[in-house]
Amino acid sequence: MKVPYKEAFRIEQITRKIETYSLNFEHAEGKNKAVVFRSKLGITIQNKEVLISALIDNLVTSEAIYTKTTRYGDHYLIDFLLTTRVGRSIIRSAWLVNPEDKYPNLTTAYPIRTKEDIDD
């Protein structure tokens, strides 16, 4: 299954979520993700394009898992392997599709397995 309206993604929304949450060392919940992105993959705000590009590529091409429907819309997960000069990890991205908006919203992205986990 693919995420509905996958081609209608909003680059501004994805970028904002990555900057203010997943790579933000000041965010109460996002800071832990930022630490792992930096330590395992070398990804920070300065080179965020690596992550944003991978998220978009996988949104458009990869299979997704539908997880639930809430009053906000349908929720999907996409897991994919991301390799950088520093390392590699499986990245989990979560997407919300509100049928009224008709485009996918990135809700979170974070590493779920590291190179060591993949090699074992």
PDB file of N, CA and C in Angstrom:
ATOM      1  N   MET A   1       0.845  -1.173   0.000  1.00  0.00           N
ATOM      2  CA  MET A   1       0.000   0.000   0.000  1.00  0.00           C
ATOM      3  C   MET A   1       0.894   1.241   0.000  1.00  0.00           C
ATOM      4  N   LYS A   2       0.497   2.224  -0.740  1.00  0.00           N
ATOM      5  CA  LYS A   2       1.195   3.516  -0.784  1.00  0.00           C
ATOM      6  C   LYS A   2       0.405   4.538   0.036  1.00  0.00           C
ATOM      7  N   VAL A   3       1.096   5.566   0.507  1.00  0.00           N
ATOM      8  CA  VAL A   3       0.416   6.645   1.217  1.00  0.00           C
ATOM      9  C   VAL A   3      -0.453   7.392   0.201  1.00  0.00           C
ATOM     10  N   PRO A   4      -1.726   7.595   0.508  1.00  0.00           N
ATOM     11  CA  PRO A   4      -2.580   8.357  -0.412  1.00  0.00           C
ATOM     12  C   PRO A   4      -2.058   9.784  -0.611  1.00  0.00           C
ATOM     13  N   TYR A   5      -2.259  10.302  -1.798  1.00  0.00           N
ATOM     14  CA  TYR A   5      -1.854  11.677  -2.143  1.00  0.00           C
ATOM     15  C   TYR A   5      -0.356  11.888  -1.969  1.00  0.00           C
ATOM     16  N   LYS A   6       0.426  10.829  -2.091  1.00  0.00           N
ATOM     17  CA  LYS A   6       1.872  10.898  -1.837  1.00  0.00           C
ATOM     18  C   LYS A   6       2.586  11.950  -2.677  1.00  0.00           C
ATOM     19  N   GLU A   7       2.121  12.174  -3.861  1.00  0.00           N
ATOM     20  CA  GLU A   7       2.771  13.152  -4.751  1.00  0.00           C
ATOM     21  C   GLU A   7       2.423  14.596  -4.376  1.00  0.00           C
ATOM     22  N   ALA A   8       1.444  14.771  -3.489  1.00  0.00           N
ATOM     23  CA  ALA A   8       1.006  16.127  -3.111  1.00  0.00           C
ATOM     24  C   ALA A   8       1.689  16.609  -1.827  1.00  0.00           C
ATOM     25  N   PHE A   9       2.817  15.965  -1.471  1.00  0.00           N
ATOM     26  CA  PHE A   9       3.518  16.367  -0.247  1.00  0.00           C
ATOM     27  C   PHE A   9       3.855  17.854  -0.272  1.00  0.00           C
ATOM     28  N   ARG A  10       4.010  18.427   0.883  1.00  0.00           N
ATOM     29  CA  ARG A  10       4.371  19.844   1.029  1.00  0.00           C
ATOM     30  C   ARG A  10       5.782  19.934   1.600  1.00  0.00           C
ATOM     31  N   ILE A  11       6.719  20.316   0.753  1.00  0.00           N
ATOM     32  CA  ILE A  11       8.116  20.403   1.176  1.00  0.00           C
ATOM     33  C   ILE A  11       8.281  21.311   2.391  1.00  0.00           C
ATOM     34  N   GLU A  12       7.483  22.379   2.439  1.00  0.00           N
ATOM     35  CA  GLU A  12       7.581  23.311   3.568  1.00  0.00           C
ATOM     36  C   GLU A  12       7.187  22.632   4.879  1.00  0.00           C
ATOM     37  N   GLN A  13       6.154  21.788   4.833  1.00  0.00           N
ATOM     38  CA  GLN A  13       5.699  21.101   6.040  1.00  0.00           C
ATOM     39  C   GLN A  13       6.750  20.101   6.510  1.00  0.00           C
ATOM     40  N   ILE A  14       7.313  19.354   5.591  1.00  0.00           N
ATOM     41  CA  ILE A  14       8.335  18.368   5.938  1.00  0.00           C
ATOM     42  C   ILE A  14       9.562  19.066   6.512  1.00  0.00           C
ATOM     43  N   THR A  15      10.015  20.113   5.864  1.00  0.00           N
ATOM     44  CA  THR A  15      11.186  20.863   6.333  1.00  0.00           C
ATOM     45  C   THR A  15      10.945  21.437   7.717  1.00  0.00           C
ATOM     46  N   ARG A  16       9.790  22.031   7.925  1.00  0.00           N
ATOM     47  CA  ARG A  16       9.462  22.623   9.226  1.00  0.00           C
ATOM     48  C   ARG A  16       9.458  21.560  10.327  1.00  0.00           C
ATOM     49  N   LYS A  17       8.899  20.382  10.041  1.00  0.00           N
ATOM     50  CA  LYS A  17       8.848  19.315  11.037  1.00  0.00           C
ATOM     51  C   LYS A  17      10.257  18.833  11.388  1.00  0.00           C
ATOM     52  N   ILE A  18      11.089  18.696  10.395  1.00  0.00           N
ATOM     53  CA  ILE A  18      12.467  18.250  10.635  1.00  0.00           C
ATOM     54  C   ILE A  18      13.239  19.304  11.427  1.00  0.00           C
ATOM     55  N   GLU A  19      13.095  20.570  11.052  1.00  0.00           N
ATOM     56  CA  GLU A  19      13.827  21.648  11.730  1.00  0.00           C
ATOM     57  C   GLU A  19      13.353  21.885  13.158  1.00  0.00           C
ATOM     58  N   THR A  20      12.055  21.842  13.370  1.00  0.00           N
ATOM     59  CA  THR A  20      11.522  22.206  14.686  1.00  0.00           C
ATOM     60  C   THR A  20      11.346  21.013  15.617  1.00  0.00           C
ATOM     61  N   TYR A  21      11.492  19.794  15.091  1.00  0.00           N
ATOM     62  CA  TYR A  21      11.242  18.618  15.920  1.00  0.00           C
ATOM     63  C   TYR A  21      12.388  17.600  15.839  1.00  0.00           C
ATOM     64  N   SER A  22      12.489  16.874  14.753  1.00  0.00           N
ATOM     65  CA  SER A  22      13.405  15.731  14.683  1.00  0.00           C
ATOM     66  C   SER A  22      14.881  16.092  14.787  1.00  0.00           C
ATOM     67  N   LEU A  23      15.281  17.281  14.355  1.00  0.00           N
ATOM     68  CA  LEU A  23      16.686  17.690  14.438  1.00  0.00           C
ATOM     69  C   LEU A  23      16.886  18.865  15.391  1.00  0.00           C
ATOM     70  N   ASN A  24      15.930  19.095  16.263  1.00  0.00           N
ATOM     71  CA  ASN A  24      15.974  20.247  17.170  1.00  0.00           C
ATOM     72  C   ASN A  24      16.439  19.803  18.560  1.00  0.00           C
ATOM     73  N   PHE A  25      17.654  20.205  18.925  1.00  0.00           N
ATOM     74  CA  PHE A  25      18.212  19.846  20.228  1.00  0.00           C
ATOM     75  C   PHE A  25      17.521  20.565  21.383  1.00  0.00           C
ATOM     76  N   GLU A  26      16.670  21.533  21.093  1.00  0.00           N
ATOM     77  CA  GLU A  26      15.952  22.283  22.124  1.00  0.00           C
ATOM     78  C   GLU A  26      14.541  21.756  22.386  1.00  0.00           C
ATOM     79  N   HIS A  27      14.024  20.927  21.497  1.00  0.00           N
ATOM     80  CA  HIS A  27      12.652  20.430  21.630  1.00  0.00           C
ATOM     81  C   HIS A  27      12.591  19.358  22.718  1.00  0.00           C
ATOM     82  N   ALA A  28      11.599  19.428  23.579  1.00  0.00           N
ATOM     83  CA  ALA A  28      11.488  18.503  24.719  1.00  0.00           C
ATOM     84  C   ALA A  28      11.495  17.044  24.281  1.00  0.00           C
ATOM     85  N   GLU A  29      10.796  16.704  23.225  1.00  0.00           N
ATOM     86  CA  GLU A  29      10.737  15.320  22.753  1.00  0.00           C
ATOM     87  C   GLU A  29      11.672  15.078  21.575  1.00  0.00           C
ATOM     88  N   GLY A  30      11.829  16.050  20.719  1.00  0.00           N
ATOM     89  CA  GLY A  30      12.646  15.884  19.519  1.00  0.00           C
ATOM     90  C   GLY A  30      14.133  15.819  19.782  1.00  0.00           C
ATOM     91  N   LYS A  31      14.592  16.362  20.900  1.00  0.00           N
ATOM     92  CA  LYS A  31      16.037  16.417  21.149  1.00  0.00           C
ATOM     93  C   LYS A  31      16.681  15.034  21.177  1.00  0.00           C
ATOM     94  N   ASN A  32      15.966  14.041  21.670  1.00  0.00           N
ATOM     95  CA  ASN A  32      16.527  12.683  21.686  1.00  0.00           C
ATOM     96  C   ASN A  32      16.718  12.157  20.266  1.00  0.00           C
ATOM     97  N   LYS A  33      15.802  12.468  19.385  1.00  0.00           N
ATOM     98  CA  LYS A  33      15.928  12.068  17.991  1.00  0.00           C
ATOM     99  C   LYS A  33      17.113  12.784  17.350  1.00  0.00           C
ATOM    100  N   ALA A  34      17.264  14.065  17.667  1.00  0.00           N
ATOM    101  CA  ALA A  34      18.363  14.857  17.117  1.00  0.00           C
ATOM    102  C   ALA A  34      19.718  14.274  17.513  1.00  0.00           C
ATOM    103  N   VAL A  35      19.828  13.844  18.751  1.00  0.00           N
ATOM    104  CA  VAL A  35      21.077  13.243  19.231  1.00  0.00           C
ATOM    105  C   VAL A  35      21.398  11.977  18.433  1.00  0.00           C
ATOM    106  N   VAL A  36      20.416  11.128  18.212  1.00  0.00           N
ATOM    107  CA  VAL A  36      20.644   9.878  17.490  1.00  0.00           C
ATOM    108  C   VAL A  36      20.937  10.142  16.016  1.00  0.00           C
ATOM    109  N   PHE A  37      20.198  11.058  15.394  1.00  0.00           N
ATOM    110  CA  PHE A  37      20.490  11.402  13.993  1.00  0.00           C
ATOM    111  C   PHE A  37      21.933  11.875  13.849  1.00  0.00           C
ATOM    112  N   ARG A  38      22.398  12.699  14.781  1.00  0.00           N
ATOM    113  CA  ARG A  38      23.769  13.221  14.700  1.00  0.00           C
ATOM    114  C   ARG A  38      24.796  12.117  14.960  1.00  0.00           C
ATOM    115  N   SER A  39      24.598  11.342  16.011  1.00  0.00           N
ATOM    116  CA  SER A  39      25.614  10.355  16.387  1.00  0.00           C
ATOM    117  C   SER A  39      25.672   9.169  15.426  1.00  0.00           C
ATOM    118  N   LYS A  40      24.550   8.687  14.963  1.00  0.00           N
ATOM    119  CA  LYS A  40      24.522   7.494  14.113  1.00  0.00           C
ATOM    120  C   LYS A  40      24.661   7.778  12.622  1.00  0.00           C
ATOM    121  N   LEU A  41      24.194   8.972  12.187  1.00  0.00           N
ATOM    122  CA  LEU A  41      24.186   9.264  10.755  1.00  0.00           C
ATOM    123  C   LEU A  41      24.900  10.564  10.381  1.00  0.00           C
ATOM    124  N   GLY A  42      25.272  11.366  11.378  1.00  0.00           N
ATOM    125  CA  GLY A  42      25.925  12.641  11.083  1.00  0.00           C
ATOM    126  C   GLY A  42      24.967  13.672  10.517  1.00  0.00           C
ATOM    127  N   ILE A  43      23.671  13.509  10.759  1.00  0.00           N
ATOM    128  CA  ILE A  43      22.674  14.435  10.224  1.00  0.00           C
ATOM    129  C   ILE A  43      22.296  15.455  11.288  1.00  0.00           C
ATOM    130  N   THR A  44      22.411  16.737  10.918  1.00  0.00           N
ATOM    131  CA  THR A  44      22.028  17.855  11.780  1.00  0.00           C
ATOM    132  C   THR A  44      21.240  18.860  10.937  1.00  0.00           C
ATOM    133  N   ILE A  45      20.872  19.961  11.552  1.00  0.00           N
ATOM    134  CA  ILE A  45      20.177  21.033  10.813  1.00  0.00           C
ATOM    135  C   ILE A  45      21.024  21.489   9.616  1.00  0.00           C
ATOM    136  N   GLN A  46      22.336  21.497   9.764  1.00  0.00           N
ATOM    137  CA  GLN A  46      23.218  21.991   8.700  1.00  0.00           C
ATOM    138  C   GLN A  46      23.143  21.153   7.422  1.00  0.00           C
ATOM    139  N   ASN A  47      22.880  19.871   7.542  1.00  0.00           N
ATOM    140  CA  ASN A  47      22.778  19.025   6.349  1.00  0.00           C
ATOM    141  C   ASN A  47      21.431  18.285   6.302  1.00  0.00           C
ATOM    142  N   LYS A  48      20.405  18.954   6.775  1.00  0.00           N
ATOM    143  CA  LYS A  48      19.055  18.378   6.858  1.00  0.00           C
ATOM    144  C   LYS A  48      18.521  17.880   5.525  1.00  0.00           C
ATOM    145  N   GLU A  49      19.056  18.417   4.417  1.00  0.00           N
ATOM    146  CA  GLU A  49      18.578  18.044   3.089  1.00  0.00           C
ATOM    147  C   GLU A  49      18.746  16.550   2.825  1.00  0.00           C
ATOM    148  N   VAL A  50      19.763  15.938   3.439  1.00  0.00           N
ATOM    149  CA  VAL A  50      19.973  14.499   3.286  1.00  0.00           C
ATOM    150  C   VAL A  50      18.739  13.750   3.785  1.00  0.00           C
ATOM    151  N   LEU A  51      18.278  14.114   4.968  1.00  0.00           N
ATOM    152  CA  LEU A  51      17.114  13.463   5.561  1.00  0.00           C
ATOM    153  C   LEU A  51      15.834  13.821   4.813  1.00  0.00           C
ATOM    154  N   ILE A  52      15.652  15.084   4.499  1.00  0.00           N
ATOM    155  CA  ILE A  52      14.437  15.519   3.804  1.00  0.00           C
ATOM    156  C   ILE A  52      14.304  14.822   2.449  1.00  0.00           C
ATOM    157  N   SER A  53      15.380  14.751   1.721  1.00  0.00           N
ATOM    158  CA  SER A  53      15.355  14.086   0.419  1.00  0.00           C
ATOM    159  C   SER A  53      15.004  12.602   0.554  1.00  0.00           C
ATOM    160  N   ALA A  54      15.589  11.934   1.547  1.00  0.00           N
ATOM    161  CA  ALA A  54      15.295  10.521   1.766  1.00  0.00           C
ATOM    162  C   ALA A  54      13.838  10.310   2.170  1.00  0.00           C
ATOM    163  N   LEU A  55      13.315  11.197   3.010  1.00  0.00           N
ATOM    164  CA  LEU A  55      11.909  11.104   3.409  1.00  0.00           C
ATOM    165  C   LEU A  55      10.978  11.229   2.211  1.00  0.00           C
ATOM    166  N   ILE A  56      11.242  12.210   1.375  1.00  0.00           N
ATOM    167  CA  ILE A  56      10.393  12.428   0.198  1.00  0.00           C
ATOM    168  C   ILE A  56      10.510  11.268  -0.784  1.00  0.00           C
ATOM    169  N   ASP A  57      11.741  10.832  -1.059  1.00  0.00           N
ATOM    170  CA  ASP A  57      11.935   9.707  -1.984  1.00  0.00           C
ATOM    171  C   ASP A  57      11.158   8.481  -1.522  1.00  0.00           C
ATOM    172  N   ASN A  58      11.238   8.196  -0.219  1.00  0.00           N
ATOM    173  CA  ASN A  58      10.557   7.007   0.297  1.00  0.00           C
ATOM    174  C   ASN A  58       9.053   7.200   0.424  1.00  0.00           C
ATOM    175  N   LEU A  59       8.613   8.407   0.679  1.00  0.00           N
ATOM    176  CA  LEU A  59       7.173   8.680   0.683  1.00  0.00           C
ATOM    177  C   LEU A  59       6.576   8.346  -0.677  1.00  0.00           C
ATOM    178  N   VAL A  60       7.253   8.759  -1.722  1.00  0.00           N
ATOM    179  CA  VAL A  60       6.737   8.594  -3.077  1.00  0.00           C
ATOM    180  C   VAL A  60       6.883   7.156  -3.583  1.00  0.00           C
ATOM    181  N   THR A  61       7.970   6.462  -3.201  1.00  0.00           N
ATOM    182  CA  THR A  61       8.251   5.161  -3.824  1.00  0.00           C
ATOM    183  C   THR A  61       8.017   3.934  -2.940  1.00  0.00           C
ATOM    184  N   SER A  62       8.080   4.090  -1.631  1.00  0.00           N
ATOM    185  CA  SER A  62       8.052   2.924  -0.743  1.00  0.00           C
ATOM    186  C   SER A  62       6.644   2.525  -0.322  1.00  0.00           C
ATOM    187  N   GLU A  63       6.546   1.279   0.067  1.00  0.00           N
ATOM    188  CA  GLU A  63       5.300   0.782   0.631  1.00  0.00           C
ATOM    189  C   GLU A  63       5.131   1.332   2.043  1.00  0.00           C
ATOM    190  N   ALA A  64       3.901   1.584   2.410  1.00  0.00           N
ATOM    191  CA  ALA A  64       3.570   2.103   3.738  1.00  0.00           C
ATOM    192  C   ALA A  64       2.693   1.099   4.465  1.00  0.00           C
ATOM    193  N   ILE A  65       2.684   1.226   5.766  1.00  0.00           N
ATOM    194  CA  ILE A  65       1.807   0.410   6.600  1.00  0.00           C
ATOM    195  C   ILE A  65       0.750   1.334   7.198  1.00  0.00           C
ATOM    196  N   TYR A  66      -0.496   1.048   6.908  1.00  0.00           N
ATOM    197  CA  TYR A  66      -1.601   1.777   7.533  1.00  0.00           C
ATOM    198  C   TYR A  66      -1.672   1.325   8.984  1.00  0.00           C
ATOM    199  N   THR A  67      -1.777   2.290   9.929  1.00  0.00           N
ATOM    200  CA  THR A  67      -1.813   1.902  11.344  1.00  0.00           C
ATOM    201  C   THR A  67      -3.154   2.177  12.011  1.00  0.00           C
ATOM    202  N   LYS A  68      -3.804   3.291  11.679  1.00  0.00           N
ATOM    203  CA  LYS A  68      -5.080   3.600  12.331  1.00  0.00           C
ATOM    204  C   LYS A  68      -5.716   4.820  11.670  1.00  0.00           C
ATOM    205  N   THR A  69      -6.989   5.021  12.029  1.00  0.00           N
ATOM    206  CA  THR A  69      -7.703   6.230  11.645  1.00  0.00           C
ATOM    207  C   THR A  69      -8.145   6.922  12.925  1.00  0.00           C
ATOM    208  N   THR A  70      -7.873   8.214  13.004  1.00  0.00           N
ATOM    209  CA  THR A  70      -8.319   9.018  14.141  1.00  0.00           C
ATOM    210  C   THR A  70      -9.162  10.163  13.607  1.00  0.00           C
ATOM    211  N   ARG A  71      -9.611  11.012  14.482  1.00  0.00           N
ATOM    212  CA  ARG A  71     -10.401  12.164  14.024  1.00  0.00           C
ATOM    213  C   ARG A  71      -9.578  13.113  13.155  1.00  0.00           C
ATOM    214  N   TYR A  72      -8.235  12.942  13.188  1.00  0.00           N
ATOM    215  CA  TYR A  72      -7.352  13.796  12.383  1.00  0.00           C
ATOM    216  C   TYR A  72      -7.065  13.228  11.007  1.00  0.00           C
ATOM    217  N   GLY A  73      -7.344  11.942  10.817  1.00  0.00           N
ATOM    218  CA  GLY A  73      -7.111  11.321   9.524  1.00  0.00           C
ATOM    219  C   GLY A  73      -6.505   9.941   9.656  1.00  0.00           C
ATOM    220  N   ASP A  74      -5.953   9.448   8.547  1.00  0.00           N
ATOM    221  CA  ASP A  74      -5.356   8.118   8.487  1.00  0.00           C
ATOM    222  C   ASP A  74      -3.850   8.215   8.745  1.00  0.00           C
ATOM    223  N   HIS A  75      -3.345   7.266   9.532  1.00  0.00           N
ATOM    224  CA  HIS A  75      -1.935   7.254   9.920  1.00  0.00           C
ATOM    225  C   HIS A  75      -1.204   6.125   9.207  1.00  0.00           C
ATOM    226  N   TYR A  76       0.026   6.424   8.739  1.00  0.00           N
ATOM    227  CA  TYR A  76       0.836   5.464   8.002  1.00  0.00           C
ATOM    228  C   TYR A  76       2.274   5.514   8.504  1.00  0.00           C
ATOM    229  N   LEU A  77       2.972   4.376   8.383  1.00  0.00           N
ATOM    230  CA  LEU A  77       4.401   4.292   8.700  1.00  0.00           C
ATOM    231  C   LEU A  77       5.159   3.850   7.464  1.00  0.00           C
ATOM    232  N   ILE A  78       6.329   4.427   7.289  1.00  0.00           N
ATOM    233  CA  ILE A  78       7.262   3.978   6.256  1.00  0.00           C
ATOM    234  C   ILE A  78       8.623   3.826   6.930  1.00  0.00           C
ATOM    235  N   ASP A  79       9.195   2.624   6.835  1.00  0.00           N
ATOM    236  CA  ASP A  79      10.544   2.361   7.333  1.00  0.00           C
ATOM    237  C   ASP A  79      11.459   2.198   6.125  1.00  0.00           C
ATOM    238  N   PHE A  80      12.657   2.790   6.203  1.00  0.00           N
ATOM    239  CA  PHE A  80      13.601   2.674   5.095  1.00  0.00           C
ATOM    240  C   PHE A  80      15.027   2.769   5.614  1.00  0.00           C
ATOM    241  N   LEU A  81      15.953   2.212   4.851  1.00  0.00           N
ATOM    242  CA  LEU A  81      17.364   2.255   5.193  1.00  0.00           C
ATOM    243  C   LEU A  81      17.968   3.552   4.674  1.00  0.00           C
ATOM    244  N   LEU A  82      18.664   4.263   5.545  1.00  0.00           N
ATOM    245  CA  LEU A  82      19.375   5.481   5.150  1.00  0.00           C
ATOM    246  C   LEU A  82      20.847   5.277   5.452  1.00  0.00           C
ATOM    247  N   THR A  83      21.681   5.470   4.442  1.00  0.00           N
ATOM    248  CA  THR A  83      23.123   5.334   4.578  1.00  0.00           C
ATOM    249  C   THR A  83      23.763   6.689   4.316  1.00  0.00           C
ATOM    250  N   THR A  84      24.658   7.097   5.221  1.00  0.00           N
ATOM    251  CA  THR A  84      25.419   8.338   5.065  1.00  0.00           C
ATOM    252  C   THR A  84      26.907   8.004   5.191  1.00  0.00           C
ATOM    253  N   ARG A  85      27.773   9.012   5.087  1.00  0.00           N
ATOM    254  CA  ARG A  85      29.214   8.798   5.264  1.00  0.00           C
ATOM    255  C   ARG A  85      29.528   8.326   6.684  1.00  0.00           C
ATOM    256  N   VAL A  86      28.664   8.664   7.627  1.00  0.00           N
ATOM    257  CA  VAL A  86      28.906   8.346   9.036  1.00  0.00           C
ATOM    258  C   VAL A  86      28.408   6.953   9.408  1.00  0.00           C
ATOM    259  N   GLY A  87      27.291   6.532   8.860  1.00  0.00           N
ATOM    260  CA  GLY A  87      26.723   5.238   9.225  1.00  0.00           C
ATOM    261  C   GLY A  87      25.445   4.964   8.462  1.00  0.00           C
ATOM    262  N   ARG A  88      24.716   3.989   8.958  1.00  0.00           N
ATOM    263  CA  ARG A  88      23.431   3.668   8.348  1.00  0.00           C
ATOM    264  C   ARG A  88      22.457   3.228   9.429  1.00  0.00           C
ATOM    265  N   SER A  89      21.183   3.446   9.131  1.00  0.00           N
ATOM    266  CA  SER A  89      20.144   3.123  10.094  1.00  0.00           C
ATOM    267  C   SER A  89      18.820   2.978   9.365  1.00  0.00           C
ATOM    268  N   ILE A  90      17.946   2.185   9.956  1.00  0.00           N
ATOM    269  CA  ILE A  90      16.567   2.149   9.489  1.00  0.00           C
ATOM    270  C   ILE A  90      15.881   3.376  10.075  1.00  0.00           C
ATOM    271  N   ILE A  91      15.238   4.148   9.230  1.00  0.00           N
ATOM    272  CA  ILE A  91      14.500   5.336   9.645  1.00  0.00           C
ATOM    273  C   ILE A  91      13.012   5.011   9.607  1.00  0.00           C
ATOM    274  N   ARG A  92      12.316   5.365  10.663  1.00  0.00           N
ATOM    275  CA  ARG A  92      10.855   5.245  10.679  1.00  0.00           C
ATOM    276  C   ARG A  92      10.281   6.637  10.467  1.00  0.00           C
ATOM    277  N   SER A  93       9.402   6.752   9.488  1.00  0.00           N
ATOM    278  CA  SER A  93       8.684   8.004   9.271  1.00  0.00           C
ATOM    279  C   SER A  93       7.193   7.739   9.432  1.00  0.00           C
ATOM    280  N   ALA A  94       6.517   8.666  10.075  1.00  0.00           N
ATOM    281  CA  ALA A  94       5.079   8.550  10.294  1.00  0.00           C
ATOM    282  C   ALA A  94       4.386   9.692   9.563  1.00  0.00           C
ATOM    283  N   TRP A  95       3.288   9.349   8.919  1.00  0.00           N
ATOM    284  CA  TRP A  95       2.557  10.289   8.077  1.00  0.00           C
ATOM    285  C   TRP A  95       1.085  10.280   8.447  1.00  0.00           C
ATOM    286  N   LEU A  96       0.480  11.446   8.372  1.00  0.00           N
ATOM    287  CA  LEU A  96      -0.947  11.619   8.622  1.00  0.00           C
ATOM    288  C   LEU A  96      -1.578  12.195   7.368  1.00  0.00           C
ATOM    289  N   VAL A  97      -2.652  11.565   6.915  1.00  0.00           N
ATOM    290  CA  VAL A  97      -3.368  12.065   5.742  1.00  0.00           C
ATOM    291  C   VAL A  97      -4.787  12.392   6.162  1.00  0.00           C
ATOM    292  N   ASN A  98      -5.087  13.678   6.183  1.00  0.00           N
ATOM    293  CA  ASN A  98      -6.441  14.145   6.441  1.00  0.00           C
ATOM    294  C   ASN A  98      -7.154  14.164   5.095  1.00  0.00           C
ATOM    295  N   PRO A  99      -8.259  13.442   4.957  1.00  0.00           N
ATOM    296  CA  PRO A  99      -8.920  13.375   3.647  1.00  0.00           C
ATOM    297  C   PRO A  99      -9.397  14.730   3.122  1.00  0.00           C
ATOM    298  N   GLU A 100      -9.593  15.683   4.000  1.00  0.00           N
ATOM    299  CA  GLU A 100      -9.993  17.015   3.540  1.00  0.00           C
ATOM    300  C   GLU A 100      -8.812  17.788   2.957  1.00  0.00           C
ATOM    301  N   ASP A 101      -7.611  17.590   3.522  1.00  0.00           N
ATOM    302  CA  ASP A 101      -6.414  18.294   3.044  1.00  0.00           C
ATOM    303  C   ASP A 101      -5.863  17.689   1.759  1.00  0.00           C
ATOM    304  N   LYS A 102      -5.936  16.357   1.660  1.00  0.00           N
ATOM    305  CA  LYS A 102      -5.468  15.618   0.492  1.00  0.00           C
ATOM    306  C   LYS A 102      -3.972  15.774   0.236  1.00  0.00           C
ATOM    307  N   TYR A 103      -3.186  15.771   1.320  1.00  0.00           N
ATOM    308  CA  TYR A 103      -1.736  15.659   1.205  1.00  0.00           C
ATOM    309  C   TYR A 103      -1.202  15.047   2.501  1.00  0.00           C
ATOM    310  N   PRO A 104      -0.080  14.336   2.424  1.00  0.00           N
ATOM    311  CA  PRO A 104       0.483  13.694   3.613  1.00  0.00           C
ATOM    312  C   PRO A 104       1.268  14.691   4.465  1.00  0.00           C
ATOM    313  N   ASN A 105       1.061  14.622   5.767  1.00  0.00           N
ATOM    314  CA  ASN A 105       1.808  15.433   6.731  1.00  0.00           C
ATOM    315  C   ASN A 105       2.782  14.537   7.474  1.00  0.00           C
ATOM    316  N   LEU A 106       4.043  14.919   7.493  1.00  0.00           N
ATOM    317  CA  LEU A 106       5.028  14.198   8.286  1.00  0.00           C
ATOM    318  C   LEU A 106       4.755  14.498   9.755  1.00  0.00           C
ATOM    319  N   THR A 107       4.604  13.454  10.571  1.00  0.00           N
ATOM    320  CA  THR A 107       4.375  13.672  12.002  1.00  0.00           C
ATOM    321  C   THR A 107       5.623  13.396  12.826  1.00  0.00           C
ATOM    322  N   THR A 108       6.476  12.487  12.362  1.00  0.00           N
ATOM    323  CA  THR A 108       7.743  12.233  13.038  1.00  0.00           C
ATOM    324  C   THR A 108       8.655  11.430  12.134  1.00  0.00           C
ATOM    325  N   ALA A 109       9.936  11.467  12.445  1.00  0.00           N
ATOM    326  CA  ALA A 109      10.936  10.637  11.768  1.00  0.00           C
ATOM    327  C   ALA A 109      12.075  10.413  12.753  1.00  0.00           C
ATOM    328  N   TYR A 110      12.528   9.159  12.846  1.00  0.00           N
ATOM    329  CA  TYR A 110      13.611   8.858  13.776  1.00  0.00           C
ATOM    330  C   TYR A 110      14.252   7.517  13.419  1.00  0.00           C
ATOM    331  N   PRO A 111      15.522   7.349  13.774  1.00  0.00           N
ATOM    332  CA  PRO A 111      16.195   6.066  13.565  1.00  0.00           C
ATOM    333  C   PRO A 111      15.626   5.013  14.517  1.00  0.00           C
ATOM    334  N   ILE A 112      15.357   3.820  13.984  1.00  0.00           N
ATOM    335  CA  ILE A 112      14.867   2.752  14.861  1.00  0.00           C
ATOM    336  C   ILE A 112      15.875   1.617  15.000  1.00  0.00           C
ATOM    337  N   ARG A 113      16.797   1.490  14.050  1.00  0.00           N
ATOM    338  CA  ARG A 113      17.869   0.502  14.158  1.00  0.00           C
ATOM    339  C   ARG A 113      19.145   1.096  13.592  1.00  0.00           C
ATOM    340  N   THR A 114      20.245   0.745  14.190  1.00  0.00           N
ATOM    341  CA  THR A 114      21.531   1.278  13.770  1.00  0.00           C
ATOM    342  C   THR A 114      22.275   0.271  12.913  1.00  0.00           C
ATOM    343  N   LYS A 115      23.401   0.686  12.400  1.00  0.00           N
ATOM    344  CA  LYS A 115      24.243  -0.184  11.582  1.00  0.00           C
ATOM    345  C   LYS A 115      24.566  -1.474  12.323  1.00  0.00           C
ATOM    346  N   GLU A 116      24.888  -1.370  13.613  1.00  0.00           N
ATOM    347  CA  GLU A 116      25.219  -2.548  14.401  1.00  0.00           C
ATOM    348  C   GLU A 116      24.043  -3.520  14.435  1.00  0.00           C
ATOM    349  N   ASP A 117      22.836  -2.997  14.562  1.00  0.00           N
ATOM    350  CA  ASP A 117      21.644  -3.848  14.585  1.00  0.00           C
ATOM    351  C   ASP A 117      21.444  -4.538  13.230  1.00  0.00           C
ATOM    352  N   ILE A 118      21.718  -3.803  12.164  1.00  0.00           N
ATOM    353  CA  ILE A 118      21.503  -4.327  10.808  1.00  0.00           C
ATOM    354  C   ILE A 118      22.521  -5.416  10.502  1.00  0.00           C
ATOM    355  N   ASP A 119      23.777  -5.230  10.940  1.00  0.00           N
ATOM    356  CA  ASP A 119      24.845  -6.183  10.648  1.00  0.00           C
ATOM    357  C   ASP A 119      24.731  -7.469  11.454  1.00  0.00           C
ATOM    358  N   ASP A 120      24.054  -7.427  12.581  1.00  0.00           N
ATOM    359  CA  ASP A 120      23.959  -8.622  13.456  1.00  0.00           C
ATOM    360  C   ASP A 120      22.943  -9.607  12.948  1.00  0.00           C
TER     361      ASP A 120
END
